[in-house]
């Protein structure tokens, strides 16, 4: 269930279809909801070495934060960020 979070925490941002392909490579024949580290490590190592998934471009991230910056002051406060991540 958490493979998307794990892969993204490693700096890879696959599309949902790519994530499903990756999951198919590391999943057991009978899906249990768990992935064994022995299967995950070689696949993820190859993904990282081959730079298979491009990171999100800086301008896209900047645009996302600009959308949250309602006052157009060039930043959002910690409290605003917490609110957006937990409530919005």
PDB file of N, CA and C in Angstrom:
ATOM      1  N   UNK A   1       0.809  -1.206   0.000  1.00  0.00           N
ATOM      2  CA  UNK A   1       0.000   0.000   0.000  1.00  0.00           C
ATOM      3  C   UNK A   1       0.844   1.257   0.000  1.00  0.00           C
ATOM      4  N   UNK A   2       1.989   1.211   0.599  1.00  0.00           N
ATOM      5  CA  UNK A   2       2.792   2.416   0.784  1.00  0.00           C
ATOM      6  C   UNK A   2       3.952   2.536  -0.202  1.00  0.00           C
ATOM      7  N   UNK A   3       3.977   1.706  -1.221  1.00  0.00           N
ATOM      8  CA  UNK A   3       5.125   1.725  -2.124  1.00  0.00           C
ATOM      9  C   UNK A   3       5.290   3.078  -2.802  1.00  0.00           C
ATOM     10  N   UNK A   4       4.192   3.746  -3.123  1.00  0.00           N
ATOM     11  CA  UNK A   4       4.283   5.073  -3.733  1.00  0.00           C
ATOM     12  C   UNK A   4       4.998   6.050  -2.825  1.00  0.00           C
ATOM     13  N   UNK A   5       4.672   6.030  -1.553  1.00  0.00           N
ATOM     14  CA  UNK A   5       5.329   6.918  -0.580  1.00  0.00           C
ATOM     15  C   UNK A   5       6.808   6.583  -0.451  1.00  0.00           C
ATOM     16  N   UNK A   6       7.118   5.308  -0.452  1.00  0.00           N
ATOM     17  CA  UNK A   6       8.507   4.878  -0.313  1.00  0.00           C
ATOM     18  C   UNK A   6       9.319   5.319  -1.523  1.00  0.00           C
ATOM     19  N   UNK A   7       8.789   5.069  -2.714  1.00  0.00           N
ATOM     20  CA  UNK A   7       9.497   5.428  -3.945  1.00  0.00           C
ATOM     21  C   UNK A   7       9.665   6.943  -4.037  1.00  0.00           C
ATOM     22  N   UNK A   8       8.617   7.687  -3.687  1.00  0.00           N
ATOM     23  CA  UNK A   8       8.704   9.157  -3.750  1.00  0.00           C
ATOM     24  C   UNK A   8       9.685   9.697  -2.716  1.00  0.00           C
ATOM     25  N   UNK A   9       9.782   9.037  -1.568  1.00  0.00           N
ATOM     26  CA  UNK A   9      10.738   9.495  -0.553  1.00  0.00           C
ATOM     27  C   UNK A   9      12.178   9.301  -1.012  1.00  0.00           C
ATOM     28  N   UNK A  10      12.372   8.453  -2.023  1.00  0.00           N
ATOM     29  CA  UNK A  10      13.704   8.239  -2.591  1.00  0.00           C
ATOM     30  C   UNK A  10      13.980   9.194  -3.750  1.00  0.00           C
ATOM     31  N   UNK A  11      13.080  10.153  -3.959  1.00  0.00           N
ATOM     32  CA  UNK A  11      13.282  11.166  -4.983  1.00  0.00           C
ATOM     33  C   UNK A  11      12.795  10.785  -6.363  1.00  0.00           C
ATOM     34  N   UNK A  12      11.996   9.741  -6.452  1.00  0.00           N
ATOM     35  CA  UNK A  12      11.449   9.299  -7.738  1.00  0.00           C
ATOM     36  C   UNK A  12       9.959   9.618  -7.759  1.00  0.00           C
ATOM     37  N   UNK A  13       9.498  10.119  -8.894  1.00  0.00           N
ATOM     38  CA  UNK A  13       8.102  10.527  -8.981  1.00  0.00           C
ATOM     39  C   UNK A  13       7.439   9.899 -10.204  1.00  0.00           C
ATOM     40  N   UNK A  14       7.194   8.570 -10.131  1.00  0.00           N
ATOM     41  CA  UNK A  14       6.549   7.901 -11.260  1.00  0.00           C
ATOM     42  C   UNK A  14       5.072   8.262 -11.355  1.00  0.00           C
ATOM     43  N   UNK A  15       4.550   8.169 -12.571  1.00  0.00           N
ATOM     44  CA  UNK A  15       3.107   8.309 -12.772  1.00  0.00           C
ATOM     45  C   UNK A  15       2.436   7.075 -12.159  1.00  0.00           C
ATOM     46  N   UNK A  16       1.139   7.140 -11.970  1.00  0.00           N
ATOM     47  CA  UNK A  16       0.425   6.011 -11.354  1.00  0.00           C
ATOM     48  C   UNK A  16       0.613   4.721 -12.152  1.00  0.00           C
ATOM     49  N   UNK A  17       0.561   4.809 -13.484  1.00  0.00           N
ATOM     50  CA  UNK A  17       0.743   3.614 -14.315  1.00  0.00           C
ATOM     51  C   UNK A  17       2.141   3.035 -14.121  1.00  0.00           C
ATOM     52  N   UNK A  18       3.145   3.907 -14.038  1.00  0.00           N
ATOM     53  CA  UNK A  18       4.520   3.452 -13.816  1.00  0.00           C
ATOM     54  C   UNK A  18       4.665   2.824 -12.439  1.00  0.00           C
ATOM     55  N   UNK A  19       3.968   3.372 -11.480  1.00  0.00           N
ATOM     56  CA  UNK A  19       4.003   2.828 -10.126  1.00  0.00           C
ATOM     57  C   UNK A  19       3.400   1.426 -10.096  1.00  0.00           C
ATOM     58  N   UNK A  20       2.329   1.220 -10.844  1.00  0.00           N
ATOM     59  CA  UNK A  20       1.718  -0.108 -10.918  1.00  0.00           C
ATOM     60  C   UNK A  20       2.657  -1.104 -11.593  1.00  0.00           C
ATOM     61  N   UNK A  21       3.399  -0.649 -12.611  1.00  0.00           N
ATOM     62  CA  UNK A  21       4.386  -1.517 -13.268  1.00  0.00           C
ATOM     63  C   UNK A  21       5.489  -1.905 -12.292  1.00  0.00           C
ATOM     64  N   UNK A  22       5.950  -0.936 -11.522  1.00  0.00           N
ATOM     65  CA  UNK A  22       6.988  -1.196 -10.527  1.00  0.00           C
ATOM     66  C   UNK A  22       6.482  -2.176  -9.480  1.00  0.00           C
ATOM     67  N   UNK A  23       5.271  -1.981  -9.048  1.00  0.00           N
ATOM     68  CA  UNK A  23       4.674  -2.874  -8.056  1.00  0.00           C
ATOM     69  C   UNK A  23       4.586  -4.295  -8.594  1.00  0.00           C
ATOM     70  N   UNK A  24       4.233  -4.442  -9.870  1.00  0.00           N
ATOM     71  CA  UNK A  24       4.139  -5.778 -10.476  1.00  0.00           C
ATOM     72  C   UNK A  24       5.491  -6.484 -10.474  1.00  0.00           C
ATOM     73  N   UNK A  25       6.578  -5.720 -10.552  1.00  0.00           N
ATOM     74  CA  UNK A  25       7.923  -6.315 -10.556  1.00  0.00           C
ATOM     75  C   UNK A  25       8.339  -6.829  -9.184  1.00  0.00           C
ATOM     76  N   UNK A  26       7.856  -6.189  -8.135  1.00  0.00           N
ATOM     77  CA  UNK A  26       8.325  -6.547  -6.793  1.00  0.00           C
ATOM     78  C   UNK A  26       7.308  -7.344  -5.987  1.00  0.00           C
ATOM     79  N   UNK A  27       6.087  -7.417  -6.481  1.00  0.00           N
ATOM     80  CA  UNK A  27       5.042  -8.109  -5.744  1.00  0.00           C
ATOM     81  C   UNK A  27       5.204  -9.622  -5.840  1.00  0.00           C
ATOM     82  N   UNK A  28       4.730 -10.306  -4.838  1.00  0.00           N
ATOM     83  CA  UNK A  28       4.723 -11.766  -4.848  1.00  0.00           C
ATOM     84  C   UNK A  28       3.674 -12.244  -5.848  1.00  0.00           C
ATOM     85  N   UNK A  29       3.785 -13.493  -6.255  1.00  0.00           N
ATOM     86  CA  UNK A  29       2.804 -14.046  -7.208  1.00  0.00           C
ATOM     87  C   UNK A  29       1.394 -13.964  -6.632  1.00  0.00           C
ATOM     88  N   UNK A  30       1.259 -14.264  -5.377  1.00  0.00           N
ATOM     89  CA  UNK A  30      -0.017 -14.114  -4.682  1.00  0.00           C
ATOM     90  C   UNK A  30       0.097 -12.860  -3.830  1.00  0.00           C
ATOM     91  N   UNK A  31      -0.478 -11.728  -4.284  1.00  0.00           N
ATOM     92  CA  UNK A  31      -0.326 -10.476  -3.536  1.00  0.00           C
ATOM     93  C   UNK A  31      -0.802 -10.589  -2.091  1.00  0.00           C
ATOM     94  N   UNK A  32       0.059 -10.153  -1.180  1.00  0.00           N
ATOM     95  CA  UNK A  32      -0.261 -10.213   0.243  1.00  0.00           C
ATOM     96  C   UNK A  32      -0.415  -8.818   0.847  1.00  0.00           C
ATOM     97  N   UNK A  33      -0.043  -7.799   0.057  1.00  0.00           N
ATOM     98  CA  UNK A  33      -0.041  -6.445   0.599  1.00  0.00           C
ATOM     99  C   UNK A  33       1.321  -6.076   1.161  1.00  0.00           C
ATOM    100  N   UNK A  34       2.230  -7.035   1.148  1.00  0.00           N
ATOM    101  CA  UNK A  34       3.585  -6.802   1.641  1.00  0.00           C
ATOM    102  C   UNK A  34       4.573  -7.073   0.518  1.00  0.00           C
ATOM    103  N   UNK A  35       5.702  -6.395   0.577  1.00  0.00           N
ATOM    104  CA  UNK A  35       6.766  -6.600  -0.405  1.00  0.00           C
ATOM    105  C   UNK A  35       8.011  -7.007   0.365  1.00  0.00           C
ATOM    106  N   UNK A  36       8.658  -8.043  -0.087  1.00  0.00           N
ATOM    107  CA  UNK A  36       9.875  -8.490   0.571  1.00  0.00           C
ATOM    108  C   UNK A  36      11.043  -7.617   0.134  1.00  0.00           C
ATOM    109  N   UNK A  37      11.839  -7.239   1.095  1.00  0.00           N
ATOM    110  CA  UNK A  37      12.983  -6.371   0.843  1.00  0.00           C
ATOM    111  C   UNK A  37      13.916  -6.980  -0.206  1.00  0.00           C
ATOM    112  N   UNK A  38      14.053  -8.307  -0.201  1.00  0.00           N
ATOM    113  CA  UNK A  38      14.946  -8.980  -1.150  1.00  0.00           C
ATOM    114  C   UNK A  38      14.507  -8.763  -2.597  1.00  0.00           C
ATOM    115  N   UNK A  39      13.218  -8.592  -2.824  1.00  0.00           N
ATOM    116  CA  UNK A  39      12.715  -8.323  -4.180  1.00  0.00           C
ATOM    117  C   UNK A  39      12.756  -6.826  -4.496  1.00  0.00           C
ATOM    118  N   UNK A  40      12.516  -6.004  -3.483  1.00  0.00           N
ATOM    119  CA  UNK A  40      12.432  -4.565  -3.679  1.00  0.00           C
ATOM    120  C   UNK A  40      13.793  -3.936  -3.966  1.00  0.00           C
ATOM    121  N   UNK A  41      14.811  -4.335  -3.202  1.00  0.00           N
ATOM    122  CA  UNK A  41      16.131  -3.696  -3.317  1.00  0.00           C
ATOM    123  C   UNK A  41      16.729  -3.747  -4.726  1.00  0.00           C
ATOM    124  N   UNK A  42      16.791  -4.896  -5.385  1.00  0.00           N
ATOM    125  CA  UNK A  42      17.388  -4.903  -6.716  1.00  0.00           C
ATOM    126  C   UNK A  42      16.596  -4.073  -7.731  1.00  0.00           C
ATOM    127  N   UNK A  43      15.280  -4.124  -7.654  1.00  0.00           N
ATOM    128  CA  UNK A  43      14.451  -3.352  -8.587  1.00  0.00           C
ATOM    129  C   UNK A  43      14.631  -1.861  -8.338  1.00  0.00           C
ATOM    130  N   UNK A  44      14.595  -1.450  -7.092  1.00  0.00           N
ATOM    131  CA  UNK A  44      14.717  -0.031  -6.767  1.00  0.00           C
ATOM    132  C   UNK A  44      16.131   0.469  -7.026  1.00  0.00           C
ATOM    133  N   UNK A  45      17.132  -0.362  -6.804  1.00  0.00           N
ATOM    134  CA  UNK A  45      18.508   0.018  -7.115  1.00  0.00           C
ATOM    135  C   UNK A  45      18.654   0.320  -8.599  1.00  0.00           C
ATOM    136  N   UNK A  46      18.067  -0.530  -9.444  1.00  0.00           N
ATOM    137  CA  UNK A  46      18.114  -0.313 -10.888  1.00  0.00           C
ATOM    138  C   UNK A  46      17.385   0.975 -11.261  1.00  0.00           C
ATOM    139  N   UNK A  47      16.233   1.206 -10.656  1.00  0.00           N
ATOM    140  CA  UNK A  47      15.470   2.433 -10.923  1.00  0.00           C
ATOM    141  C   UNK A  47      16.314   3.660 -10.580  1.00  0.00           C
ATOM    142  N   UNK A  48      16.970   3.632  -9.426  1.00  0.00           N
ATOM    143  CA  UNK A  48      17.778   4.775  -8.997  1.00  0.00           C
ATOM    144  C   UNK A  48      19.008   4.969  -9.879  1.00  0.00           C
ATOM    145  N   UNK A  49      19.692   3.878 -10.198  1.00  0.00           N
ATOM    146  CA  UNK A  49      20.893   3.989 -11.031  1.00  0.00           C
ATOM    147  C   UNK A  49      20.579   4.428 -12.458  1.00  0.00           C
ATOM    148  N   UNK A  50      19.453   3.956 -12.981  1.00  0.00           N
ATOM    149  CA  UNK A  50      19.053   4.313 -14.343  1.00  0.00           C
ATOM    150  C   UNK A  50      18.328   5.656 -14.410  1.00  0.00           C
ATOM    151  N   UNK A  51      18.057   6.216 -13.235  1.00  0.00           N
ATOM    152  CA  UNK A  51      17.273   7.463 -13.165  1.00  0.00           C
ATOM    153  C   UNK A  51      16.003   7.332 -13.992  1.00  0.00           C
ATOM    154  N   UNK A  52      15.277   6.266 -13.711  1.00  0.00           N
ATOM    155  CA  UNK A  52      14.088   5.909 -14.481  1.00  0.00           C
ATOM    156  C   UNK A  52      12.964   6.932 -14.384  1.00  0.00           C
ATOM    157  N   UNK A  53      12.836   7.588 -13.257  1.00  0.00           N
ATOM    158  CA  UNK A  53      11.756   8.551 -13.060  1.00  0.00           C
ATOM    159  C   UNK A  53      12.348   9.917 -12.796  1.00  0.00           C
ATOM    160  N   UNK A  54      11.906  10.861 -13.566  1.00  0.00           N
ATOM    161  CA  UNK A  54      12.431  12.212 -13.421  1.00  0.00           C
ATOM    162  C   UNK A  54      11.845  12.876 -12.182  1.00  0.00           C
ATOM    163  N   UNK A  55      12.631  13.728 -11.533  1.00  0.00           N
ATOM    164  CA  UNK A  55      12.083  14.461 -10.396  1.00  0.00           C
ATOM    165  C   UNK A  55      11.083  15.509 -10.892  1.00  0.00           C
ATOM    166  N   UNK A  56      10.254  15.980 -10.005  1.00  0.00           N
ATOM    167  CA  UNK A  56       9.307  17.029 -10.359  1.00  0.00           C
ATOM    168  C   UNK A  56      10.109  18.301 -10.641  1.00  0.00           C
ATOM    169  N   UNK A  57       9.880  18.944 -11.789  1.00  0.00           N
ATOM    170  CA  UNK A  57      10.632  20.169 -12.116  1.00  0.00           C
ATOM    171  C   UNK A  57      10.395  21.266 -11.081  1.00  0.00           C
ATOM    172  N   UNK A  58      11.434  22.063 -10.834  1.00  0.00           N
ATOM    173  CA  UNK A  58      11.351  23.123  -9.834  1.00  0.00           C
ATOM    174  C   UNK A  58      10.228  24.105 -10.132  1.00  0.00           C
ATOM    175  N   UNK A  59      10.024  24.427 -11.420  1.00  0.00           N
ATOM    176  CA  UNK A  59       8.989  25.411 -11.746  1.00  0.00           C
ATOM    177  C   UNK A  59       7.593  24.900 -11.400  1.00  0.00           C
ATOM    178  N   UNK A  60       7.384  23.600 -11.483  1.00  0.00           N
ATOM    179  CA  UNK A  60       6.086  23.029 -11.115  1.00  0.00           C
ATOM    180  C   UNK A  60       5.883  23.143  -9.601  1.00  0.00           C
ATOM    181  N   UNK A  61       6.933  22.835  -8.840  1.00  0.00           N
ATOM    182  CA  UNK A  61       6.843  22.971  -7.379  1.00  0.00           C
ATOM    183  C   UNK A  61       6.625  24.428  -6.985  1.00  0.00           C
ATOM    184  N   UNK A  62       7.358  25.327  -7.631  1.00  0.00           N
ATOM    185  CA  UNK A  62       7.224  26.747  -7.325  1.00  0.00           C
ATOM    186  C   UNK A  62       5.799  27.220  -7.621  1.00  0.00           C
ATOM    187  N   UNK A  63       5.257  26.779  -8.744  1.00  0.00           N
ATOM    188  CA  UNK A  63       3.888  27.161  -9.104  1.00  0.00           C
ATOM    189  C   UNK A  63       2.891  26.654  -8.058  1.00  0.00           C
ATOM    190  N   UNK A  64       3.116  25.450  -7.541  1.00  0.00           N
ATOM    191  CA  UNK A  64       2.230  24.899  -6.510  1.00  0.00           C
ATOM    192  C   UNK A  64       2.273  25.760  -5.250  1.00  0.00           C
ATOM    193  N   UNK A  65       3.465  26.178  -4.836  1.00  0.00           N
ATOM    194  CA  UNK A  65       3.572  27.014  -3.646  1.00  0.00           C
ATOM    195  C   UNK A  65       3.024  28.409  -3.896  1.00  0.00           C
ATOM    196  N   UNK A  66       3.186  28.931  -5.113  1.00  0.00           N
ATOM    197  CA  UNK A  66       2.614  30.240  -5.442  1.00  0.00           C
ATOM    198  C   UNK A  66       1.094  30.209  -5.324  1.00  0.00           C
ATOM    199  N   UNK A  67       0.501  29.077  -5.689  1.00  0.00           N
ATOM    200  CA  UNK A  67      -0.949  28.945  -5.583  1.00  0.00           C
ATOM    201  C   UNK A  67      -1.404  28.992  -4.119  1.00  0.00           C
ATOM    202  N   UNK A  68      -0.562  28.539  -3.217  1.00  0.00           N
ATOM    203  CA  UNK A  68      -0.885  28.562  -1.789  1.00  0.00           C
ATOM    204  C   UNK A  68      -0.613  29.923  -1.154  1.00  0.00           C
ATOM    205  N   UNK A  69       0.225  30.726  -1.792  1.00  0.00           N
ATOM    206  CA  UNK A  69       0.625  32.042  -1.279  1.00  0.00           C
ATOM    207  C   UNK A  69      -0.445  33.070  -1.623  1.00  0.00           C
ATOM    208  N   UNK A  70      -1.527  33.074  -0.850  1.00  0.00           N
ATOM    209  CA  UNK A  70      -2.676  33.933  -1.140  1.00  0.00           C
ATOM    210  C   UNK A  70      -2.323  35.421  -1.080  1.00  0.00           C
ATOM    211  N   UNK A  71      -1.409  35.815  -0.215  1.00  0.00           N
ATOM    212  CA  UNK A  71      -1.040  37.225  -0.056  1.00  0.00           C
ATOM    213  C   UNK A  71       0.044  37.672  -1.028  1.00  0.00           C
ATOM    214  N   UNK A  72       0.546  36.734  -1.831  1.00  0.00           N
ATOM    215  CA  UNK A  72       1.602  37.019  -2.827  1.00  0.00           C
ATOM    216  C   UNK A  72       2.817  37.691  -2.184  1.00  0.00           C
ATOM    217  N   UNK A  73       3.220  37.145  -1.022  1.00  0.00           N
ATOM    218  CA  UNK A  73       4.378  37.698  -0.320  1.00  0.00           C
ATOM    219  C   UNK A  73       5.652  36.901  -0.590  1.00  0.00           C
ATOM    220  N   UNK A  74       5.553  35.832  -1.376  1.00  0.00           N
ATOM    221  CA  UNK A  74       6.744  35.070  -1.735  1.00  0.00           C
ATOM    222  C   UNK A  74       7.059  33.914  -0.813  1.00  0.00           C
ATOM    223  N   UNK A  75       6.210  33.679   0.165  1.00  0.00           N
ATOM    224  CA  UNK A  75       6.420  32.561   1.085  1.00  0.00           C
ATOM    225  C   UNK A  75       5.093  32.209   1.744  1.00  0.00           C
ATOM    226  N   UNK A  76       5.056  31.019   2.359  1.00  0.00           N
ATOM    227  CA  UNK A  76       3.934  30.667   3.222  1.00  0.00           C
ATOM    228  C   UNK A  76       4.510  30.328   4.587  1.00  0.00           C
ATOM    229  N   UNK A  77       3.737  30.595   5.600  1.00  0.00           N
ATOM    230  CA  UNK A  77       4.229  30.336   6.953  1.00  0.00           C
ATOM    231  C   UNK A  77       4.137  28.849   7.267  1.00  0.00           C
ATOM    232  N   UNK A  78       4.840  28.470   8.301  1.00  0.00           N
ATOM    233  CA  UNK A  78       4.793  27.082   8.758  1.00  0.00           C
ATOM    234  C   UNK A  78       3.361  26.708   9.122  1.00  0.00           C
ATOM    235  N   UNK A  79       2.669  27.614   9.783  1.00  0.00           N
ATOM    236  CA  UNK A  79       1.292  27.350  10.205  1.00  0.00           C
ATOM    237  C   UNK A  79       0.376  27.148   8.988  1.00  0.00           C
ATOM    238  N   UNK A  80       0.580  27.965   7.938  1.00  0.00           N
ATOM    239  CA  UNK A  80      -0.226  27.796   6.724  1.00  0.00           C
ATOM    240  C   UNK A  80       0.050  26.444   6.072  1.00  0.00           C
ATOM    241  N   UNK A  81       1.327  26.082   6.008  1.00  0.00           N
ATOM    242  CA  UNK A  81       1.691  24.805   5.398  1.00  0.00           C
ATOM    243  C   UNK A  81       1.082  23.652   6.176  1.00  0.00           C
ATOM    244  N   UNK A  82       1.171  23.690   7.492  1.00  0.00           N
ATOM    245  CA  UNK A  82       0.576  22.641   8.326  1.00  0.00           C
ATOM    246  C   UNK A  82      -0.928  22.571   8.072  1.00  0.00           C
ATOM    247  N   UNK A  83      -1.580  23.733   8.014  1.00  0.00           N
ATOM    248  CA  UNK A  83      -3.015  23.763   7.751  1.00  0.00           C
ATOM    249  C   UNK A  83      -3.345  23.123   6.407  1.00  0.00           C
ATOM    250  N   UNK A  84      -2.608  23.479   5.362  1.00  0.00           N
ATOM    251  CA  UNK A  84      -2.867  22.921   4.033  1.00  0.00           C
ATOM    252  C   UNK A  84      -2.648  21.411   4.006  1.00  0.00           C
ATOM    253  N   UNK A  85      -1.618  20.950   4.695  1.00  0.00           N
ATOM    254  CA  UNK A  85      -1.298  19.527   4.660  1.00  0.00           C
ATOM    255  C   UNK A  85      -2.222  18.686   5.534  1.00  0.00           C
ATOM    256  N   UNK A  86      -2.826  19.294   6.519  1.00  0.00           N
ATOM    257  CA  UNK A  86      -3.658  18.504   7.432  1.00  0.00           C
ATOM    258  C   UNK A  86      -5.147  18.742   7.276  1.00  0.00           C
ATOM    259  N   UNK A  87      -5.533  19.922   6.778  1.00  0.00           N
ATOM    260  CA  UNK A  87      -6.958  20.256   6.736  1.00  0.00           C
ATOM    261  C   UNK A  87      -7.510  20.395   5.330  1.00  0.00           C
ATOM    262  N   UNK A  88      -6.720  20.891   4.421  1.00  0.00           N
ATOM    263  CA  UNK A  88      -7.234  21.212   3.077  1.00  0.00           C
ATOM    264  C   UNK A  88      -7.182  20.009   2.166  1.00  0.00           C
TER     265      UNK A  88
END
